[in-house]
């Protein structure tokens, strides 16, 4: 079945550039182009041509690279088109409350950065809420800085289409109801949240990580747990 953007492309493809220029002003043509880009970003697919990875890698947003000098790269740049991001985002899109996703990671694989990007995309284009839980408040501030950058470093026209309701060090909320917020560890701290997604960052290193996860499960949230390797309950879940 054709997607929305494919249908629009077919309709626009019926006209030559001269015909379009005769019917629309430059400002209107620019708005049409922006609408096509916006729809393309919203697609629920793992692809560098549309969906969240298109938004993240095509220059429509950027992130900060603390290793930029050593790597000879710009400080702020789009997410690189690493092929392993395709199955990663495919897994993000497929996760459900019944089938939680457990991801063992290394620092250089951009997994935590990607999970925050996915939560930002889900909030901005689909009005979903993501609750992130991690080690402590310092880690919360770091993870939420990724969300701030993904939003702030977009072009003005895209931010105008997806305005914010409020923003703080621990939460970003869109006018459409989407939200990404982060809380420190503690099994009681997630109670009262009824989010679409629950992302637990550095699960293996959270002292009560398993209890935190158990507290969230009754909410029906789609669960993603990410951590660098360490023995314990997270490693056992990954093996299963």
C-alpha atoms as a PDB file:
ATOM      1  CA  UNK A   1       0.000   0.000   0.000  1.00  0.00           C
ATOM      2  CA  UNK A   2       1.464   3.421  -0.945  1.00  0.00           C
ATOM      3  CA  UNK A   3       2.475   5.660   1.943  1.00  0.00           C
ATOM      4  CA  UNK A   4       1.141   9.203   2.324  1.00  0.00           C
ATOM      5  CA  UNK A   5       4.303  10.736   0.944  1.00  0.00           C
ATOM      6  CA  UNK A   6       4.322   8.352  -2.034  1.00  0.00           C
ATOM      7  CA  UNK A   7       0.766   9.423  -2.865  1.00  0.00           C
ATOM      8  CA  UNK A   8       1.742  13.092  -2.686  1.00  0.00           C
ATOM      9  CA  UNK A   9       4.758  12.486  -4.886  1.00  0.00           C
ATOM     10  CA  UNK A  10       2.533  10.830  -7.486  1.00  0.00           C
ATOM     11  CA  UNK A  11       0.171  13.802  -7.475  1.00  0.00           C
ATOM     12  CA  UNK A  12       2.972  16.362  -7.694  1.00  0.00           C
ATOM     13  CA  UNK A  13       4.699  14.274 -10.356  1.00  0.00           C
ATOM     14  CA  UNK A  14       1.785  14.952 -12.695  1.00  0.00           C
ATOM     15  CA  UNK A  15       3.012  18.529 -13.085  1.00  0.00           C
ATOM     16  CA  UNK A  16       6.178  19.927 -14.604  1.00  0.00           C
ATOM     17  CA  UNK A  17       8.285  22.384 -12.595  1.00  0.00           C
ATOM     18  CA  UNK A  18       7.086  25.175 -14.895  1.00  0.00           C
ATOM     19  CA  UNK A  19       3.450  24.263 -14.237  1.00  0.00           C
ATOM     20  CA  UNK A  20       4.030  24.229 -10.482  1.00  0.00           C
ATOM     21  CA  UNK A  21       5.817  27.573 -10.634  1.00  0.00           C
ATOM     22  CA  UNK A  22       2.901  29.011 -12.615  1.00  0.00           C
ATOM     23  CA  UNK A  23       0.368  27.866  -9.998  1.00  0.00           C
ATOM     24  CA  UNK A  24       2.250  28.623  -6.780  1.00  0.00           C
ATOM     25  CA  UNK A  25       4.389  31.422  -5.411  1.00  0.00           C
ATOM     26  CA  UNK A  26       7.955  30.617  -4.287  1.00  0.00           C
ATOM     27  CA  UNK A  27       6.773  30.785  -0.675  1.00  0.00           C
ATOM     28  CA  UNK A  28       3.967  28.315  -1.410  1.00  0.00           C
ATOM     29  CA  UNK A  29       6.351  25.951  -3.197  1.00  0.00           C
ATOM     30  CA  UNK A  30       8.687  26.112  -0.215  1.00  0.00           C
ATOM     31  CA  UNK A  31       5.786  25.280   2.100  1.00  0.00           C
ATOM     32  CA  UNK A  32       4.848  22.302  -0.097  1.00  0.00           C
ATOM     33  CA  UNK A  33       8.430  21.068   0.045  1.00  0.00           C
ATOM     34  CA  UNK A  34       8.524  21.472   3.836  1.00  0.00           C
ATOM     35  CA  UNK A  35       5.253  19.552   4.137  1.00  0.00           C
ATOM     36  CA  UNK A  36       6.696  16.681   2.108  1.00  0.00           C
ATOM     37  CA  UNK A  37       9.789  16.631   4.331  1.00  0.00           C
ATOM     38  CA  UNK A  38       7.637  16.712   7.473  1.00  0.00           C
ATOM     39  CA  UNK A  39       5.514  13.787   6.279  1.00  0.00           C
ATOM     40  CA  UNK A  40       8.656  11.909   5.284  1.00  0.00           C
ATOM     41  CA  UNK A  41      10.076  12.314   8.802  1.00  0.00           C
ATOM     42  CA  UNK A  42       6.870  10.975  10.357  1.00  0.00           C
ATOM     43  CA  UNK A  43       6.995   7.631   8.517  1.00  0.00           C
ATOM     44  CA  UNK A  44       7.202   4.657  10.883  1.00  0.00           C
ATOM     45  CA  UNK A  45      10.070   2.905   9.113  1.00  0.00           C
ATOM     46  CA  UNK A  46      13.748   2.203   9.794  1.00  0.00           C
ATOM     47  CA  UNK A  47      15.369   3.754   6.735  1.00  0.00           C
ATOM     48  CA  UNK A  48      17.793   6.526   5.855  1.00  0.00           C
ATOM     49  CA  UNK A  49      15.252   7.685   3.235  1.00  0.00           C
ATOM     50  CA  UNK A  50      12.309   8.321   5.582  1.00  0.00           C
ATOM     51  CA  UNK A  51      11.248   8.004   9.205  1.00  0.00           C
ATOM     52  CA  UNK A  52      13.304   8.826  12.309  1.00  0.00           C
ATOM     53  CA  UNK A  53      16.670   7.965  10.739  1.00  0.00           C
ATOM     54  CA  UNK A  54      15.979  10.271   7.791  1.00  0.00           C
ATOM     55  CA  UNK A  55      15.332  13.111  10.258  1.00  0.00           C
ATOM     56  CA  UNK A  56      18.451  12.268  12.264  1.00  0.00           C
ATOM     57  CA  UNK A  57      20.938  11.779   9.413  1.00  0.00           C
ATOM     58  CA  UNK A  58      19.820  14.183   6.652  1.00  0.00           C
ATOM     59  CA  UNK A  59      20.738  17.478   8.340  1.00  0.00           C
ATOM     60  CA  UNK A  60      17.279  18.259   9.740  1.00  0.00           C
ATOM     61  CA  UNK A  61      18.701  18.021  13.253  1.00  0.00           C
ATOM     62  CA  UNK A  62      22.106  17.591  14.814  1.00  0.00           C
ATOM     63  CA  UNK A  63      23.785  16.305  17.937  1.00  0.00           C
ATOM     64  CA  UNK A  64      26.973  17.245  19.762  1.00  0.00           C
ATOM     65  CA  UNK A  65      30.085  15.063  19.600  1.00  0.00           C
ATOM     66  CA  UNK A  66      32.394  15.450  22.630  1.00  0.00           C
ATOM     67  CA  UNK A  67      35.105  13.505  20.738  1.00  0.00           C
ATOM     68  CA  UNK A  68      34.978  15.777  17.717  1.00  0.00           C
ATOM     69  CA  UNK A  69      38.531  17.118  17.971  1.00  0.00           C
ATOM     70  CA  UNK A  70      40.158  13.691  18.254  1.00  0.00           C
ATOM     71  CA  UNK A  71      37.992  12.385  15.415  1.00  0.00           C
ATOM     72  CA  UNK A  72      38.487  15.443  13.210  1.00  0.00           C
ATOM     73  CA  UNK A  73      34.722  15.975  12.937  1.00  0.00           C
ATOM     74  CA  UNK A  74      32.405  18.970  13.467  1.00  0.00           C
ATOM     75  CA  UNK A  75      31.261  19.551  17.051  1.00  0.00           C
ATOM     76  CA  UNK A  76      27.634  19.511  15.917  1.00  0.00           C
ATOM     77  CA  UNK A  77      26.584  17.186  13.123  1.00  0.00           C
ATOM     78  CA  UNK A  78      23.774  14.848  12.015  1.00  0.00           C
ATOM     79  CA  UNK A  79      23.855  11.290  13.318  1.00  0.00           C
ATOM     80  CA  UNK A  80      26.191   9.238  11.093  1.00  0.00           C
ATOM     81  CA  UNK A  81      24.640   6.730   8.695  1.00  0.00           C
ATOM     82  CA  UNK A  82      25.905   3.623  10.482  1.00  0.00           C
ATOM     83  CA  UNK A  83      24.294   0.520   9.004  1.00  0.00           C
ATOM     84  CA  UNK A  84      23.699  -1.046  12.431  1.00  0.00           C
ATOM     85  CA  UNK A  85      21.304   1.822  13.205  1.00  0.00           C
ATOM     86  CA  UNK A  86      18.803   0.284  10.770  1.00  0.00           C
ATOM     87  CA  UNK A  87      18.146  -2.906  12.811  1.00  0.00           C
ATOM     88  CA  UNK A  88      18.366  -0.856  16.021  1.00  0.00           C
ATOM     89  CA  UNK A  89      15.574   1.507  14.969  1.00  0.00           C
ATOM     90  CA  UNK A  90      13.619  -1.376  13.484  1.00  0.00           C
ATOM     91  CA  UNK A  91      13.723  -2.944  16.954  1.00  0.00           C
ATOM     92  CA  UNK A  92      12.637   0.344  18.566  1.00  0.00           C
ATOM     93  CA  UNK A  93       9.638   0.511  16.239  1.00  0.00           C
ATOM     94  CA  UNK A  94       8.685  -3.125  16.896  1.00  0.00           C
ATOM     95  CA  UNK A  95       8.964  -3.144  20.702  1.00  0.00           C
ATOM     96  CA  UNK A  96       5.792  -3.842  22.682  1.00  0.00           C
ATOM     97  CA  UNK A  97       4.683  -4.184  26.293  1.00  0.00           C
ATOM     98  CA  UNK A  98       4.564  -7.948  25.803  1.00  0.00           C
ATOM     99  CA  UNK A  99       8.033  -8.151  24.267  1.00  0.00           C
ATOM    100  CA  UNK A 100      10.512  -5.813  26.021  1.00  0.00           C
ATOM    101  CA  UNK A 101      13.756  -4.965  24.232  1.00  0.00           C
ATOM    102  CA  UNK A 102      17.102  -5.514  26.000  1.00  0.00           C
ATOM    103  CA  UNK A 103      20.184  -4.037  24.327  1.00  0.00           C
ATOM    104  CA  UNK A 104      23.749  -4.679  25.547  1.00  0.00           C
ATOM    105  CA  UNK A 105      25.915  -1.861  24.222  1.00  0.00           C
ATOM    106  CA  UNK A 106      29.373  -0.391  23.988  1.00  0.00           C
ATOM    107  CA  UNK A 107      29.980   3.339  24.405  1.00  0.00           C
ATOM    108  CA  UNK A 108      30.886   3.934  20.758  1.00  0.00           C
ATOM    109  CA  UNK A 109      27.660   2.499  19.325  1.00  0.00           C
ATOM    110  CA  UNK A 110      25.533   5.604  20.071  1.00  0.00           C
ATOM    111  CA  UNK A 111      22.788   3.447  21.587  1.00  0.00           C
ATOM    112  CA  UNK A 112      21.769   5.780  24.424  1.00  0.00           C
ATOM    113  CA  UNK A 113      21.961   8.722  22.016  1.00  0.00           C
ATOM    114  CA  UNK A 114      19.768   6.802  19.566  1.00  0.00           C
ATOM    115  CA  UNK A 115      17.193   5.856  22.190  1.00  0.00           C
ATOM    116  CA  UNK A 116      16.779   9.516  23.162  1.00  0.00           C
ATOM    117  CA  UNK A 117      16.490  10.384  19.472  1.00  0.00           C
ATOM    118  CA  UNK A 118      13.744   7.795  19.067  1.00  0.00           C
ATOM    119  CA  UNK A 119      11.848   9.149  22.081  1.00  0.00           C
ATOM    120  CA  UNK A 120      12.147  12.688  20.680  1.00  0.00           C
ATOM    121  CA  UNK A 121      10.874  11.581  17.268  1.00  0.00           C
ATOM    122  CA  UNK A 122       7.956   9.641  18.817  1.00  0.00           C
ATOM    123  CA  UNK A 123       6.966  12.714  20.844  1.00  0.00           C
ATOM    124  CA  UNK A 124       7.357  15.286  18.094  1.00  0.00           C
ATOM    125  CA  UNK A 125       5.586  13.460  15.282  1.00  0.00           C
ATOM    126  CA  UNK A 126       3.253  11.057  17.073  1.00  0.00           C
ATOM    127  CA  UNK A 127       2.419  12.685  20.422  1.00  0.00           C
ATOM    128  CA  UNK A 128       3.861   9.791  22.435  1.00  0.00           C
ATOM    129  CA  UNK A 129       5.281  10.009  25.953  1.00  0.00           C
ATOM    130  CA  UNK A 130       8.623   8.457  26.875  1.00  0.00           C
ATOM    131  CA  UNK A 131       9.781   8.029  30.464  1.00  0.00           C
ATOM    132  CA  UNK A 132      13.538   7.533  30.799  1.00  0.00           C
ATOM    133  CA  UNK A 133      15.043   6.200  34.023  1.00  0.00           C
ATOM    134  CA  UNK A 134      18.750   6.100  34.723  1.00  0.00           C
ATOM    135  CA  UNK A 135      21.411   6.065  37.439  1.00  0.00           C
ATOM    136  CA  UNK A 136      21.117   9.542  38.935  1.00  0.00           C
ATOM    137  CA  UNK A 137      20.192  13.167  38.258  1.00  0.00           C
ATOM    138  CA  UNK A 138      23.509  13.933  36.569  1.00  0.00           C
ATOM    139  CA  UNK A 139      22.896  11.174  34.036  1.00  0.00           C
ATOM    140  CA  UNK A 140      19.320  12.455  33.605  1.00  0.00           C
ATOM    141  CA  UNK A 141      20.634  15.901  32.697  1.00  0.00           C
ATOM    142  CA  UNK A 142      23.058  14.380  30.176  1.00  0.00           C
ATOM    143  CA  UNK A 143      20.364  12.274  28.485  1.00  0.00           C
ATOM    144  CA  UNK A 144      17.917  15.162  28.379  1.00  0.00           C
ATOM    145  CA  UNK A 145      20.599  17.380  26.836  1.00  0.00           C
ATOM    146  CA  UNK A 146      20.436  15.029  23.835  1.00  0.00           C
ATOM    147  CA  UNK A 147      16.694  15.685  23.562  1.00  0.00           C
ATOM    148  CA  UNK A 148      17.221  19.455  23.898  1.00  0.00           C
ATOM    149  CA  UNK A 149      19.797  19.402  21.103  1.00  0.00           C
ATOM    150  CA  UNK A 150      17.648  17.293  18.782  1.00  0.00           C
ATOM    151  CA  UNK A 151      14.864  19.838  19.133  1.00  0.00           C
ATOM    152  CA  UNK A 152      16.862  23.075  19.317  1.00  0.00           C
ATOM    153  CA  UNK A 153      19.169  22.282  16.386  1.00  0.00           C
ATOM    154  CA  UNK A 154      16.321  21.771  13.923  1.00  0.00           C
ATOM    155  CA  UNK A 155      15.533  24.444  11.306  1.00  0.00           C
ATOM    156  CA  UNK A 156      13.118  27.118  12.508  1.00  0.00           C
ATOM    157  CA  UNK A 157      10.353  26.033  10.121  1.00  0.00           C
ATOM    158  CA  UNK A 158      10.362  22.509  11.582  1.00  0.00           C
ATOM    159  CA  UNK A 159      10.244  23.783  15.163  1.00  0.00           C
ATOM    160  CA  UNK A 160       7.364  26.081  14.175  1.00  0.00           C
ATOM    161  CA  UNK A 161       5.418  23.051  12.933  1.00  0.00           C
ATOM    162  CA  UNK A 162       6.095  21.182  16.188  1.00  0.00           C
ATOM    163  CA  UNK A 163       6.091  23.796  18.967  1.00  0.00           C
ATOM    164  CA  UNK A 164       6.916  23.048  22.583  1.00  0.00           C
ATOM    165  CA  UNK A 165       4.617  23.539  25.552  1.00  0.00           C
ATOM    166  CA  UNK A 166       7.444  23.584  28.108  1.00  0.00           C
ATOM    167  CA  UNK A 167      11.083  22.610  28.527  1.00  0.00           C
ATOM    168  CA  UNK A 168      13.214  21.982  31.611  1.00  0.00           C
ATOM    169  CA  UNK A 169      16.403  20.139  32.546  1.00  0.00           C
ATOM    170  CA  UNK A 170      14.386  16.959  33.128  1.00  0.00           C
ATOM    171  CA  UNK A 171      11.512  17.211  30.658  1.00  0.00           C
ATOM    172  CA  UNK A 172      10.544  18.392  27.182  1.00  0.00           C
ATOM    173  CA  UNK A 173       6.824  18.561  26.332  1.00  0.00           C
ATOM    174  CA  UNK A 174       5.289  19.359  22.948  1.00  0.00           C
ATOM    175  CA  UNK A 175       1.998  21.135  22.317  1.00  0.00           C
ATOM    176  CA  UNK A 176       0.678  17.923  20.707  1.00  0.00           C
ATOM    177  CA  UNK A 177       0.998  16.076  24.037  1.00  0.00           C
ATOM    178  CA  UNK A 178       4.249  14.292  23.273  1.00  0.00           C
ATOM    179  CA  UNK A 179       6.862  14.299  26.015  1.00  0.00           C
ATOM    180  CA  UNK A 180      10.273  12.958  26.987  1.00  0.00           C
ATOM    181  CA  UNK A 181      11.176  13.112  30.665  1.00  0.00           C
ATOM    182  CA  UNK A 182      13.903  11.528  32.759  1.00  0.00           C
ATOM    183  CA  UNK A 183      13.967  10.395  36.393  1.00  0.00           C
ATOM    184  CA  UNK A 184      16.762   8.919  38.533  1.00  0.00           C
ATOM    185  CA  UNK A 185      16.703   5.356  39.860  1.00  0.00           C
ATOM    186  CA  UNK A 186      14.220   4.309  42.525  1.00  0.00           C
ATOM    187  CA  UNK A 187      11.405   1.798  42.117  1.00  0.00           C
ATOM    188  CA  UNK A 188       8.835   4.216  43.557  1.00  0.00           C
ATOM    189  CA  UNK A 189       9.759   7.134  41.293  1.00  0.00           C
ATOM    190  CA  UNK A 190       8.036   5.802  38.166  1.00  0.00           C
ATOM    191  CA  UNK A 191       4.665   5.271  39.826  1.00  0.00           C
ATOM    192  CA  UNK A 192       2.074   7.698  38.521  1.00  0.00           C
ATOM    193  CA  UNK A 193       3.588   7.839  35.034  1.00  0.00           C
ATOM    194  CA  UNK A 194       1.599   6.254  32.208  1.00  0.00           C
ATOM    195  CA  UNK A 195       3.977   6.651  29.292  1.00  0.00           C
ATOM    196  CA  UNK A 196       3.958   5.054  25.853  1.00  0.00           C
ATOM    197  CA  UNK A 197       7.613   4.043  26.219  1.00  0.00           C
ATOM    198  CA  UNK A 198       9.845   3.331  29.194  1.00  0.00           C
ATOM    199  CA  UNK A 199      13.571   3.479  28.498  1.00  0.00           C
ATOM    200  CA  UNK A 200      15.920   2.294  31.228  1.00  0.00           C
ATOM    201  CA  UNK A 201      19.452   3.510  30.615  1.00  0.00           C
ATOM    202  CA  UNK A 202      22.464   1.653  32.085  1.00  0.00           C
ATOM    203  CA  UNK A 203      20.173  -1.031  33.508  1.00  0.00           C
ATOM    204  CA  UNK A 204      22.975  -3.305  34.696  1.00  0.00           C
ATOM    205  CA  UNK A 205      24.437  -0.516  36.841  1.00  0.00           C
ATOM    206  CA  UNK A 206      21.205   0.618  38.518  1.00  0.00           C
ATOM    207  CA  UNK A 207      21.238  -0.985  41.952  1.00  0.00           C
ATOM    208  CA  UNK A 208      17.477  -1.552  41.967  1.00  0.00           C
ATOM    209  CA  UNK A 209      17.102  -1.710  38.171  1.00  0.00           C
ATOM    210  CA  UNK A 210      15.073  -4.918  38.199  1.00  0.00           C
ATOM    211  CA  UNK A 211      12.702  -3.488  40.820  1.00  0.00           C
ATOM    212  CA  UNK A 212      12.358  -0.280  38.787  1.00  0.00           C
ATOM    213  CA  UNK A 213      11.398  -2.343  35.758  1.00  0.00           C
ATOM    214  CA  UNK A 214       8.881  -4.393  37.755  1.00  0.00           C
ATOM    215  CA  UNK A 215       7.226  -1.170  38.953  1.00  0.00           C
ATOM    216  CA  UNK A 216       6.731   0.009  35.363  1.00  0.00           C
ATOM    217  CA  UNK A 217       5.390  -3.202  33.807  1.00  0.00           C
ATOM    218  CA  UNK A 218       1.806  -2.807  35.127  1.00  0.00           C
ATOM    219  CA  UNK A 219       1.534   0.542  33.290  1.00  0.00           C
ATOM    220  CA  UNK A 220       1.610  -1.230  29.909  1.00  0.00           C
ATOM    221  CA  UNK A 221       4.506   0.875  28.626  1.00  0.00           C
ATOM    222  CA  UNK A 222       6.671  -0.433  25.784  1.00  0.00           C
ATOM    223  CA  UNK A 223       9.956  -1.265  27.494  1.00  0.00           C
ATOM    224  CA  UNK A 224      13.508  -0.685  26.229  1.00  0.00           C
ATOM    225  CA  UNK A 225      16.438  -1.492  28.524  1.00  0.00           C
ATOM    226  CA  UNK A 226      19.952  -0.461  27.484  1.00  0.00           C
ATOM    227  CA  UNK A 227      23.240  -1.038  29.283  1.00  0.00           C
ATOM    228  CA  UNK A 228      26.945  -1.576  28.989  1.00  0.00           C
ATOM    229  CA  UNK A 229      27.865  -5.100  30.052  1.00  0.00           C
ATOM    230  CA  UNK A 230      27.938  -6.282  33.661  1.00  0.00           C
ATOM    231  CA  UNK A 231      26.914  -9.525  35.374  1.00  0.00           C
ATOM    232  CA  UNK A 232      23.495  -9.685  36.993  1.00  0.00           C
ATOM    233  CA  UNK A 233      19.819  -9.581  36.104  1.00  0.00           C
ATOM    234  CA  UNK A 234      20.280  -7.524  32.921  1.00  0.00           C
ATOM    235  CA  UNK A 235      22.842  -9.976  31.527  1.00  0.00           C
ATOM    236  CA  UNK A 236      20.498 -12.873  32.318  1.00  0.00           C
ATOM    237  CA  UNK A 237      17.636 -11.156  30.477  1.00  0.00           C
ATOM    238  CA  UNK A 238      19.876 -10.587  27.461  1.00  0.00           C
ATOM    239  CA  UNK A 239      20.855 -14.251  27.405  1.00  0.00           C
ATOM    240  CA  UNK A 240      17.190 -15.249  27.445  1.00  0.00           C
END
